[in-house]
């Protein structure tokens, strides 16, 4: 991204730009269509349909709860395995999209910095494109983090489906028992094996996001430091370069702040998962 020792003008390679755009479009289609296929096997192929998945989650969870066992039943194990593979596929494709959007942002930003004196409209287009690709890269990053979280704790990631739609009477009774166990330890339900697994996986679910947010924040801190050093090293007369580095440096600093808030909030929830899980089942979270 440095503007030193570069030609007075630079053009974006149309072929390279078109290739990256086609690639990101293909990855977008793959992100929507492929995970269900990649996650399914002979016994879980019908789970690609959302209604079948919700029905399977509710039915297998009800049976698991009533069994009193800590280990997942065979049916629930298949559903959780499918959901793990689904999130893993989504995270992998989103990571590729992140890489492509970062490449696009860098290519456009370099063209902006190396452009020399150029028409204001071209500068505006390049600056807008660079910002747009940066935001799309951020969206891809958030998607990667969310799907890594789902892959680390797939059982907890499935819990929202328990309250999806009108529950049958047996499931409604089971969910009432879950709420009682979470709300009142003296009721004896907190010792229920399935409830312990739910609370543990719910805590892991939030720890996963807290850790990923903290790791990304550290990486972005390093990036922010590099950008501000480039800003300080640039010539005062090179206003365009200084504006670009200042803009990206400020964006990186704000991103670090947001990631820190996410990490702290999720660690707080992970430290007290029971009350947070109860709030979820009561519809307040």
C-alpha atoms as a PDB file:
ATOM      1  CA  UNK A   1       0.000   0.000   0.000  1.00  0.00           C
ATOM      2  CA  UNK A   2       3.030   2.274   0.037  1.00  0.00           C
ATOM      3  CA  UNK A   3       3.100   5.033  -2.560  1.00  0.00           C
ATOM      4  CA  UNK A   4       6.912   5.380  -2.590  1.00  0.00           C
ATOM      5  CA  UNK A   5       9.016   4.189  -5.535  1.00  0.00           C
ATOM      6  CA  UNK A   6       5.933   3.582  -7.679  1.00  0.00           C
ATOM      7  CA  UNK A   7       5.099   4.739 -11.190  1.00  0.00           C
ATOM      8  CA  UNK A   8       3.215   8.016 -11.501  1.00  0.00           C
ATOM      9  CA  UNK A   9       0.119   6.207 -12.651  1.00  0.00           C
ATOM     10  CA  UNK A  10      -1.184   2.738 -12.191  1.00  0.00           C
ATOM     11  CA  UNK A  11      -4.110   0.884 -13.609  1.00  0.00           C
ATOM     12  CA  UNK A  12      -6.032  -1.997 -12.171  1.00  0.00           C
ATOM     13  CA  UNK A  13      -5.604  -5.115 -14.264  1.00  0.00           C
ATOM     14  CA  UNK A  14      -9.044  -5.694 -15.749  1.00  0.00           C
ATOM     15  CA  UNK A  15      -8.427  -9.405 -16.077  1.00  0.00           C
ATOM     16  CA  UNK A  16      -7.291  -9.792 -12.465  1.00  0.00           C
ATOM     17  CA  UNK A  17     -10.170  -7.701 -11.151  1.00  0.00           C
ATOM     18  CA  UNK A  18     -12.707  -9.609 -13.222  1.00  0.00           C
ATOM     19  CA  UNK A  19     -11.253 -12.901 -12.050  1.00  0.00           C
ATOM     20  CA  UNK A  20     -11.542 -11.913  -8.402  1.00  0.00           C
ATOM     21  CA  UNK A  21     -15.107 -10.685  -8.872  1.00  0.00           C
ATOM     22  CA  UNK A  22     -16.123 -13.910 -10.617  1.00  0.00           C
ATOM     23  CA  UNK A  23     -14.450 -15.906  -7.856  1.00  0.00           C
ATOM     24  CA  UNK A  24     -16.268 -14.050  -5.085  1.00  0.00           C
ATOM     25  CA  UNK A  25     -19.583 -14.457  -6.925  1.00  0.00           C
ATOM     26  CA  UNK A  26     -18.978 -18.194  -7.219  1.00  0.00           C
ATOM     27  CA  UNK A  27     -18.076 -18.402  -3.543  1.00  0.00           C
ATOM     28  CA  UNK A  28     -21.269 -16.513  -2.664  1.00  0.00           C
ATOM     29  CA  UNK A  29     -23.351 -19.116  -4.482  1.00  0.00           C
ATOM     30  CA  UNK A  30     -21.330 -21.906  -2.872  1.00  0.00           C
ATOM     31  CA  UNK A  31     -21.852 -20.379   0.575  1.00  0.00           C
ATOM     32  CA  UNK A  32     -25.619 -20.573   0.138  1.00  0.00           C
ATOM     33  CA  UNK A  33     -25.912 -23.901  -1.655  1.00  0.00           C
ATOM     34  CA  UNK A  34     -22.971 -26.171  -0.787  1.00  0.00           C
ATOM     35  CA  UNK A  35     -22.924 -26.473   3.045  1.00  0.00           C
ATOM     36  CA  UNK A  36     -26.174 -28.448   3.209  1.00  0.00           C
ATOM     37  CA  UNK A  37     -24.870 -30.890   0.612  1.00  0.00           C
ATOM     38  CA  UNK A  38     -21.423 -31.198   2.168  1.00  0.00           C
ATOM     39  CA  UNK A  39     -22.863 -31.728   5.657  1.00  0.00           C
ATOM     40  CA  UNK A  40     -25.365 -34.403   4.678  1.00  0.00           C
ATOM     41  CA  UNK A  41     -24.751 -38.122   4.553  1.00  0.00           C
ATOM     42  CA  UNK A  42     -27.035 -41.080   3.877  1.00  0.00           C
ATOM     43  CA  UNK A  43     -28.807 -40.826   7.211  1.00  0.00           C
ATOM     44  CA  UNK A  44     -29.036 -37.022   7.405  1.00  0.00           C
ATOM     45  CA  UNK A  45     -29.802 -36.058   3.819  1.00  0.00           C
ATOM     46  CA  UNK A  46     -33.325 -34.910   4.706  1.00  0.00           C
ATOM     47  CA  UNK A  47     -31.934 -32.391   7.224  1.00  0.00           C
ATOM     48  CA  UNK A  48     -30.998 -30.091   4.353  1.00  0.00           C
ATOM     49  CA  UNK A  49     -34.630 -29.004   4.485  1.00  0.00           C
ATOM     50  CA  UNK A  50     -35.088 -26.470   7.304  1.00  0.00           C
ATOM     51  CA  UNK A  51     -38.434 -27.866   8.399  1.00  0.00           C
ATOM     52  CA  UNK A  52     -37.048 -31.385   8.651  1.00  0.00           C
ATOM     53  CA  UNK A  53     -34.068 -30.098  10.627  1.00  0.00           C
ATOM     54  CA  UNK A  54     -36.259 -28.260  13.157  1.00  0.00           C
ATOM     55  CA  UNK A  55     -38.505 -31.305  13.504  1.00  0.00           C
ATOM     56  CA  UNK A  56     -35.491 -33.572  14.023  1.00  0.00           C
ATOM     57  CA  UNK A  57     -33.961 -31.229  16.622  1.00  0.00           C
ATOM     58  CA  UNK A  58     -37.174 -31.008  18.612  1.00  0.00           C
ATOM     59  CA  UNK A  59     -37.941 -34.723  18.426  1.00  0.00           C
ATOM     60  CA  UNK A  60     -34.460 -35.991  19.262  1.00  0.00           C
ATOM     61  CA  UNK A  61     -33.975 -33.450  22.047  1.00  0.00           C
ATOM     62  CA  UNK A  62     -37.268 -34.429  23.688  1.00  0.00           C
ATOM     63  CA  UNK A  63     -36.231 -38.074  23.646  1.00  0.00           C
ATOM     64  CA  UNK A  64     -32.752 -37.212  24.921  1.00  0.00           C
ATOM     65  CA  UNK A  65     -34.142 -35.196  27.833  1.00  0.00           C
ATOM     66  CA  UNK A  66     -36.594 -37.903  28.840  1.00  0.00           C
ATOM     67  CA  UNK A  67     -33.899 -40.598  28.729  1.00  0.00           C
ATOM     68  CA  UNK A  68     -31.975 -38.926  31.579  1.00  0.00           C
ATOM     69  CA  UNK A  69     -28.654 -39.925  29.987  1.00  0.00           C
ATOM     70  CA  UNK A  70     -25.686 -37.612  29.621  1.00  0.00           C
ATOM     71  CA  UNK A  71     -24.589 -39.069  26.305  1.00  0.00           C
ATOM     72  CA  UNK A  72     -26.481 -37.986  23.220  1.00  0.00           C
ATOM     73  CA  UNK A  73     -28.957 -40.445  21.799  1.00  0.00           C
ATOM     74  CA  UNK A  74     -28.140 -41.877  18.372  1.00  0.00           C
ATOM     75  CA  UNK A  75     -30.660 -39.589  16.685  1.00  0.00           C
ATOM     76  CA  UNK A  76     -29.460 -36.424  18.412  1.00  0.00           C
ATOM     77  CA  UNK A  77     -25.845 -37.357  17.718  1.00  0.00           C
ATOM     78  CA  UNK A  78     -26.601 -37.499  13.996  1.00  0.00           C
ATOM     79  CA  UNK A  79     -28.326 -34.111  14.073  1.00  0.00           C
ATOM     80  CA  UNK A  80     -25.465 -32.499  16.031  1.00  0.00           C
ATOM     81  CA  UNK A  81     -22.923 -34.069  13.664  1.00  0.00           C
ATOM     82  CA  UNK A  82     -24.773 -32.678  10.665  1.00  0.00           C
ATOM     83  CA  UNK A  83     -24.865 -29.210  12.229  1.00  0.00           C
ATOM     84  CA  UNK A  84     -21.134 -29.357  13.005  1.00  0.00           C
ATOM     85  CA  UNK A  85     -20.298 -30.234   9.394  1.00  0.00           C
ATOM     86  CA  UNK A  86     -22.665 -27.546   8.128  1.00  0.00           C
ATOM     87  CA  UNK A  87     -20.960 -24.812  10.152  1.00  0.00           C
ATOM     88  CA  UNK A  88     -17.513 -26.120   9.244  1.00  0.00           C
ATOM     89  CA  UNK A  89     -18.357 -25.896   5.536  1.00  0.00           C
ATOM     90  CA  UNK A  90     -19.795 -22.404   5.956  1.00  0.00           C
ATOM     91  CA  UNK A  91     -16.742 -21.208   7.887  1.00  0.00           C
ATOM     92  CA  UNK A  92     -14.378 -22.579   5.216  1.00  0.00           C
ATOM     93  CA  UNK A  93     -16.203 -20.911   2.328  1.00  0.00           C
ATOM     94  CA  UNK A  94     -16.540 -17.638   4.255  1.00  0.00           C
ATOM     95  CA  UNK A  95     -12.786 -17.700   4.944  1.00  0.00           C
ATOM     96  CA  UNK A  96     -12.128 -17.961   1.196  1.00  0.00           C
ATOM     97  CA  UNK A  97     -14.516 -15.051   0.602  1.00  0.00           C
ATOM     98  CA  UNK A  98     -12.652 -13.054   3.243  1.00  0.00           C
ATOM     99  CA  UNK A  99      -9.353 -13.663   1.449  1.00  0.00           C
ATOM    100  CA  UNK A 100     -10.809 -12.570  -1.901  1.00  0.00           C
ATOM    101  CA  UNK A 101     -12.379  -9.396  -0.489  1.00  0.00           C
ATOM    102  CA  UNK A 102      -9.090  -8.498   1.222  1.00  0.00           C
ATOM    103  CA  UNK A 103      -7.286  -9.020  -2.104  1.00  0.00           C
ATOM    104  CA  UNK A 104      -9.824  -6.817  -3.893  1.00  0.00           C
ATOM    105  CA  UNK A 105      -9.488  -4.077  -1.267  1.00  0.00           C
ATOM    106  CA  UNK A 106      -5.683  -4.156  -1.559  1.00  0.00           C
ATOM    107  CA  UNK A 107      -5.717  -4.089  -5.372  1.00  0.00           C
ATOM    108  CA  UNK A 108      -8.074  -1.103  -5.478  1.00  0.00           C
ATOM    109  CA  UNK A 109      -6.263   0.707  -2.655  1.00  0.00           C
ATOM    110  CA  UNK A 110      -2.913   0.329  -4.423  1.00  0.00           C
ATOM    111  CA  UNK A 111      -4.419   1.755  -7.600  1.00  0.00           C
ATOM    112  CA  UNK A 112      -5.712   4.689  -5.566  1.00  0.00           C
ATOM    113  CA  UNK A 113      -2.321   5.370  -3.966  1.00  0.00           C
ATOM    114  CA  UNK A 114      -0.297   4.941  -7.140  1.00  0.00           C
ATOM    115  CA  UNK A 115      -2.639   6.883  -9.364  1.00  0.00           C
ATOM    116  CA  UNK A 116      -0.785  10.169  -9.181  1.00  0.00           C
ATOM    117  CA  UNK A 117      -2.803  13.116 -10.425  1.00  0.00           C
ATOM    118  CA  UNK A 118      -6.110  11.843 -11.746  1.00  0.00           C
ATOM    119  CA  UNK A 119      -9.685  12.932 -12.220  1.00  0.00           C
ATOM    120  CA  UNK A 120     -11.678  13.480  -9.045  1.00  0.00           C
ATOM    121  CA  UNK A 121     -14.369  11.059 -10.208  1.00  0.00           C
ATOM    122  CA  UNK A 122     -11.821   8.247 -10.613  1.00  0.00           C
ATOM    123  CA  UNK A 123     -10.408   8.924  -7.172  1.00  0.00           C
ATOM    124  CA  UNK A 124     -13.923   8.864  -5.704  1.00  0.00           C
ATOM    125  CA  UNK A 125     -14.731   5.567  -7.430  1.00  0.00           C
ATOM    126  CA  UNK A 126     -11.521   3.918  -6.239  1.00  0.00           C
ATOM    127  CA  UNK A 127     -11.976   5.196  -2.684  1.00  0.00           C
ATOM    128  CA  UNK A 128     -15.592   3.990  -2.601  1.00  0.00           C
ATOM    129  CA  UNK A 129     -14.679   0.600  -4.022  1.00  0.00           C
ATOM    130  CA  UNK A 130     -11.858   0.173  -1.523  1.00  0.00           C
ATOM    131  CA  UNK A 131     -14.192   1.019   1.352  1.00  0.00           C
ATOM    132  CA  UNK A 132     -16.916  -1.285   0.030  1.00  0.00           C
ATOM    133  CA  UNK A 133     -14.548  -4.238  -0.322  1.00  0.00           C
ATOM    134  CA  UNK A 134     -13.219  -3.565   3.177  1.00  0.00           C
ATOM    135  CA  UNK A 135     -16.734  -3.669   4.625  1.00  0.00           C
ATOM    136  CA  UNK A 136     -17.494  -6.863   2.693  1.00  0.00           C
ATOM    137  CA  UNK A 137     -14.289  -8.359   4.085  1.00  0.00           C
ATOM    138  CA  UNK A 138     -15.468  -7.390   7.570  1.00  0.00           C
ATOM    139  CA  UNK A 139     -18.837  -9.051   6.935  1.00  0.00           C
ATOM    140  CA  UNK A 140     -17.014 -12.195   5.796  1.00  0.00           C
ATOM    141  CA  UNK A 141     -14.860 -12.105   8.930  1.00  0.00           C
ATOM    142  CA  UNK A 142     -17.952 -11.901  11.152  1.00  0.00           C
ATOM    143  CA  UNK A 143     -19.443 -14.825   9.227  1.00  0.00           C
ATOM    144  CA  UNK A 144     -16.304 -16.894   9.742  1.00  0.00           C
ATOM    145  CA  UNK A 145     -16.332 -16.171  13.478  1.00  0.00           C
ATOM    146  CA  UNK A 146     -20.029 -17.019  13.831  1.00  0.00           C
ATOM    147  CA  UNK A 147     -19.663 -20.315  12.002  1.00  0.00           C
ATOM    148  CA  UNK A 148     -16.530 -21.285  13.907  1.00  0.00           C
ATOM    149  CA  UNK A 149     -18.575 -20.649  17.038  1.00  0.00           C
ATOM    150  CA  UNK A 150     -21.313 -22.926  15.712  1.00  0.00           C
ATOM    151  CA  UNK A 151     -18.817 -25.651  14.828  1.00  0.00           C
ATOM    152  CA  UNK A 152     -17.179 -25.526  18.267  1.00  0.00           C
ATOM    153  CA  UNK A 153     -20.529 -25.863  20.070  1.00  0.00           C
ATOM    154  CA  UNK A 154     -23.036 -27.275  17.558  1.00  0.00           C
ATOM    155  CA  UNK A 155     -25.444 -28.527  20.236  1.00  0.00           C
ATOM    156  CA  UNK A 156     -25.823 -25.053  21.749  1.00  0.00           C
ATOM    157  CA  UNK A 157     -26.159 -23.626  18.245  1.00  0.00           C
ATOM    158  CA  UNK A 158     -29.176 -25.896  17.695  1.00  0.00           C
ATOM    159  CA  UNK A 159     -31.015 -24.796  20.855  1.00  0.00           C
ATOM    160  CA  UNK A 160     -32.860 -21.868  19.190  1.00  0.00           C
ATOM    161  CA  UNK A 161     -34.679 -24.420  17.033  1.00  0.00           C
ATOM    162  CA  UNK A 162     -36.332 -25.873  20.138  1.00  0.00           C
ATOM    163  CA  UNK A 163     -38.559 -22.809  20.321  1.00  0.00           C
ATOM    164  CA  UNK A 164     -39.071 -22.519  16.560  1.00  0.00           C
ATOM    165  CA  UNK A 165     -42.788 -22.741  15.789  1.00  0.00           C
ATOM    166  CA  UNK A 166     -45.576 -24.269  17.857  1.00  0.00           C
ATOM    167  CA  UNK A 167     -44.202 -27.039  20.060  1.00  0.00           C
ATOM    168  CA  UNK A 168     -46.147 -30.237  20.623  1.00  0.00           C
ATOM    169  CA  UNK A 169     -47.406 -30.858  24.194  1.00  0.00           C
ATOM    170  CA  UNK A 170     -44.584 -33.264  25.079  1.00  0.00           C
ATOM    171  CA  UNK A 171     -41.865 -30.857  23.948  1.00  0.00           C
ATOM    172  CA  UNK A 172     -43.630 -27.976  25.702  1.00  0.00           C
ATOM    173  CA  UNK A 173     -43.562 -29.993  28.922  1.00  0.00           C
ATOM    174  CA  UNK A 174     -39.881 -30.759  28.434  1.00  0.00           C
ATOM    175  CA  UNK A 175     -39.059 -27.083  27.875  1.00  0.00           C
ATOM    176  CA  UNK A 176     -40.975 -26.183  31.025  1.00  0.00           C
ATOM    177  CA  UNK A 177     -38.800 -28.645  32.935  1.00  0.00           C
ATOM    178  CA  UNK A 178     -35.703 -27.071  31.389  1.00  0.00           C
ATOM    179  CA  UNK A 179     -36.823 -23.621  32.551  1.00  0.00           C
ATOM    180  CA  UNK A 180     -37.606 -24.916  36.040  1.00  0.00           C
ATOM    181  CA  UNK A 181     -34.194 -26.515  36.316  1.00  0.00           C
ATOM    182  CA  UNK A 182     -32.440 -23.362  35.198  1.00  0.00           C
ATOM    183  CA  UNK A 183     -34.523 -21.094  37.433  1.00  0.00           C
ATOM    184  CA  UNK A 184     -34.708 -23.087  40.658  1.00  0.00           C
ATOM    185  CA  UNK A 185     -31.819 -25.291  41.763  1.00  0.00           C
ATOM    186  CA  UNK A 186     -33.909 -26.530  44.689  1.00  0.00           C
ATOM    187  CA  UNK A 187     -36.327 -28.140  42.248  1.00  0.00           C
ATOM    188  CA  UNK A 188     -33.729 -30.832  41.640  1.00  0.00           C
ATOM    189  CA  UNK A 189     -33.674 -30.354  37.896  1.00  0.00           C
ATOM    190  CA  UNK A 190     -30.242 -28.745  37.832  1.00  0.00           C
ATOM    191  CA  UNK A 191     -28.743 -32.162  38.455  1.00  0.00           C
ATOM    192  CA  UNK A 192     -30.387 -33.451  35.283  1.00  0.00           C
ATOM    193  CA  UNK A 193     -27.625 -34.795  33.015  1.00  0.00           C
ATOM    194  CA  UNK A 194     -29.018 -33.247  29.838  1.00  0.00           C
ATOM    195  CA  UNK A 195     -29.315 -29.872  31.535  1.00  0.00           C
ATOM    196  CA  UNK A 196     -25.690 -30.010  32.621  1.00  0.00           C
ATOM    197  CA  UNK A 197     -24.654 -30.747  29.038  1.00  0.00           C
ATOM    198  CA  UNK A 198     -26.777 -27.850  27.771  1.00  0.00           C
ATOM    199  CA  UNK A 199     -25.265 -25.383  30.214  1.00  0.00           C
ATOM    200  CA  UNK A 200     -21.737 -26.604  29.508  1.00  0.00           C
ATOM    201  CA  UNK A 201     -22.144 -26.393  25.737  1.00  0.00           C
ATOM    202  CA  UNK A 202     -23.815 -22.990  26.014  1.00  0.00           C
ATOM    203  CA  UNK A 203     -20.806 -21.733  27.960  1.00  0.00           C
ATOM    204  CA  UNK A 204     -18.447 -23.213  25.352  1.00  0.00           C
ATOM    205  CA  UNK A 205     -20.494 -21.515  22.639  1.00  0.00           C
ATOM    206  CA  UNK A 206     -19.743 -18.095  24.128  1.00  0.00           C
ATOM    207  CA  UNK A 207     -16.132 -18.886  25.005  1.00  0.00           C
ATOM    208  CA  UNK A 208     -15.540 -19.762  21.342  1.00  0.00           C
ATOM    209  CA  UNK A 209     -16.703 -16.353  20.172  1.00  0.00           C
ATOM    210  CA  UNK A 210     -14.817 -14.563  22.950  1.00  0.00           C
ATOM    211  CA  UNK A 211     -11.564 -16.301  22.029  1.00  0.00           C
ATOM    212  CA  UNK A 212     -11.952 -15.726  18.288  1.00  0.00           C
ATOM    213  CA  UNK A 213     -12.800 -12.054  18.896  1.00  0.00           C
ATOM    214  CA  UNK A 214      -9.735 -11.655  21.122  1.00  0.00           C
ATOM    215  CA  UNK A 215      -7.432 -13.323  18.567  1.00  0.00           C
ATOM    216  CA  UNK A 216      -8.753 -11.196  15.711  1.00  0.00           C
ATOM    217  CA  UNK A 217      -8.462  -8.064  17.891  1.00  0.00           C
ATOM    218  CA  UNK A 218      -4.761  -8.780  18.473  1.00  0.00           C
ATOM    219  CA  UNK A 219      -4.198  -9.201  14.732  1.00  0.00           C
ATOM    220  CA  UNK A 220      -6.028  -5.964  13.980  1.00  0.00           C
ATOM    221  CA  UNK A 221      -3.980  -4.149  16.655  1.00  0.00           C
ATOM    222  CA  UNK A 222      -0.840  -5.115  14.753  1.00  0.00           C
ATOM    223  CA  UNK A 223      -2.430  -3.964  11.496  1.00  0.00           C
ATOM    224  CA  UNK A 224      -3.464  -0.661  13.065  1.00  0.00           C
ATOM    225  CA  UNK A 225       0.050  -0.018  14.352  1.00  0.00           C
ATOM    226  CA  UNK A 226       1.472  -0.708  10.896  1.00  0.00           C
ATOM    227  CA  UNK A 227      -1.016   1.663   9.245  1.00  0.00           C
ATOM    228  CA  UNK A 228      -0.275   4.521  11.644  1.00  0.00           C
ATOM    229  CA  UNK A 229       3.462   4.000  11.170  1.00  0.00           C
ATOM    230  CA  UNK A 230       2.944   4.278   7.422  1.00  0.00           C
ATOM    231  CA  UNK A 231       0.921   7.406   8.043  1.00  0.00           C
ATOM    232  CA  UNK A 232       3.723   8.931  10.147  1.00  0.00           C
ATOM    233  CA  UNK A 233       6.344   7.985   7.563  1.00  0.00           C
ATOM    234  CA  UNK A 234       4.466   9.470   4.597  1.00  0.00           C
ATOM    235  CA  UNK A 235       5.303  12.913   3.290  1.00  0.00           C
ATOM    236  CA  UNK A 236       3.107  15.748   4.643  1.00  0.00           C
ATOM    237  CA  UNK A 237       2.531  16.883   1.073  1.00  0.00           C
ATOM    238  CA  UNK A 238       1.204  13.467   0.023  1.00  0.00           C
ATOM    239  CA  UNK A 239      -2.306  14.142   1.241  1.00  0.00           C
ATOM    240  CA  UNK A 240      -3.969  11.232  -0.511  1.00  0.00           C
ATOM    241  CA  UNK A 241      -1.644   8.666   1.038  1.00  0.00           C
ATOM    242  CA  UNK A 242      -2.037  10.188   4.482  1.00  0.00           C
ATOM    243  CA  UNK A 243      -5.829  10.221   4.163  1.00  0.00           C
ATOM    244  CA  UNK A 244      -5.915   6.576   3.133  1.00  0.00           C
ATOM    245  CA  UNK A 245      -3.664   5.396   5.966  1.00  0.00           C
ATOM    246  CA  UNK A 246      -5.499   7.583   8.497  1.00  0.00           C
ATOM    247  CA  UNK A 247      -8.879   6.254   7.363  1.00  0.00           C
ATOM    248  CA  UNK A 248      -7.846   2.613   7.527  1.00  0.00           C
ATOM    249  CA  UNK A 249      -5.946   3.149  10.781  1.00  0.00           C
ATOM    250  CA  UNK A 250      -9.017   4.713  12.389  1.00  0.00           C
ATOM    251  CA  UNK A 251     -11.228   1.926  11.063  1.00  0.00           C
ATOM    252  CA  UNK A 252      -8.855  -0.681  12.499  1.00  0.00           C
ATOM    253  CA  UNK A 253      -8.840   1.041  15.907  1.00  0.00           C
ATOM    254  CA  UNK A 254     -12.644   1.122  15.997  1.00  0.00           C
ATOM    255  CA  UNK A 255     -12.742  -2.530  14.981  1.00  0.00           C
ATOM    256  CA  UNK A 256     -10.426  -3.418  17.867  1.00  0.00           C
ATOM    257  CA  UNK A 257     -12.786  -1.624  20.244  1.00  0.00           C
ATOM    258  CA  UNK A 258     -15.817  -3.507  18.878  1.00  0.00           C
ATOM    259  CA  UNK A 259     -14.026  -6.857  19.060  1.00  0.00           C
ATOM    260  CA  UNK A 260     -12.960  -6.155  22.637  1.00  0.00           C
ATOM    261  CA  UNK A 261     -16.576  -5.455  23.615  1.00  0.00           C
ATOM    262  CA  UNK A 262     -17.688  -8.695  21.947  1.00  0.00           C
ATOM    263  CA  UNK A 263     -14.975 -10.679  23.729  1.00  0.00           C
ATOM    264  CA  UNK A 264     -15.777  -9.231  27.160  1.00  0.00           C
ATOM    265  CA  UNK A 265     -19.542  -9.642  26.720  1.00  0.00           C
ATOM    266  CA  UNK A 266     -19.215 -13.271  25.686  1.00  0.00           C
ATOM    267  CA  UNK A 267     -16.776 -14.116  28.468  1.00  0.00           C
ATOM    268  CA  UNK A 268     -19.224 -12.589  30.942  1.00  0.00           C
ATOM    269  CA  UNK A 269     -22.003 -14.769  29.551  1.00  0.00           C
ATOM    270  CA  UNK A 270     -19.749 -17.830  29.587  1.00  0.00           C
ATOM    271  CA  UNK A 271     -18.976 -17.216  33.263  1.00  0.00           C
ATOM    272  CA  UNK A 272     -22.698 -17.221  34.119  1.00  0.00           C
ATOM    273  CA  UNK A 273     -24.276 -19.455  31.471  1.00  0.00           C
ATOM    274  CA  UNK A 274     -27.255 -20.626  33.519  1.00  0.00           C
ATOM    275  CA  UNK A 275     -28.944 -17.247  33.843  1.00  0.00           C
ATOM    276  CA  UNK A 276     -28.221 -16.397  30.205  1.00  0.00           C
ATOM    277  CA  UNK A 277     -29.628 -19.729  29.026  1.00  0.00           C
ATOM    278  CA  UNK A 278     -32.742 -19.211  31.144  1.00  0.00           C
ATOM    279  CA  UNK A 279     -33.207 -15.749  29.629  1.00  0.00           C
ATOM    280  CA  UNK A 280     -32.948 -17.328  26.190  1.00  0.00           C
ATOM    281  CA  UNK A 281     -35.630 -19.923  26.908  1.00  0.00           C
ATOM    282  CA  UNK A 282     -37.838 -17.199  28.396  1.00  0.00           C
ATOM    283  CA  UNK A 283     -37.512 -15.216  25.188  1.00  0.00           C
ATOM    284  CA  UNK A 284     -35.593 -12.319  26.738  1.00  0.00           C
ATOM    285  CA  UNK A 285     -32.237 -12.844  24.973  1.00  0.00           C
END
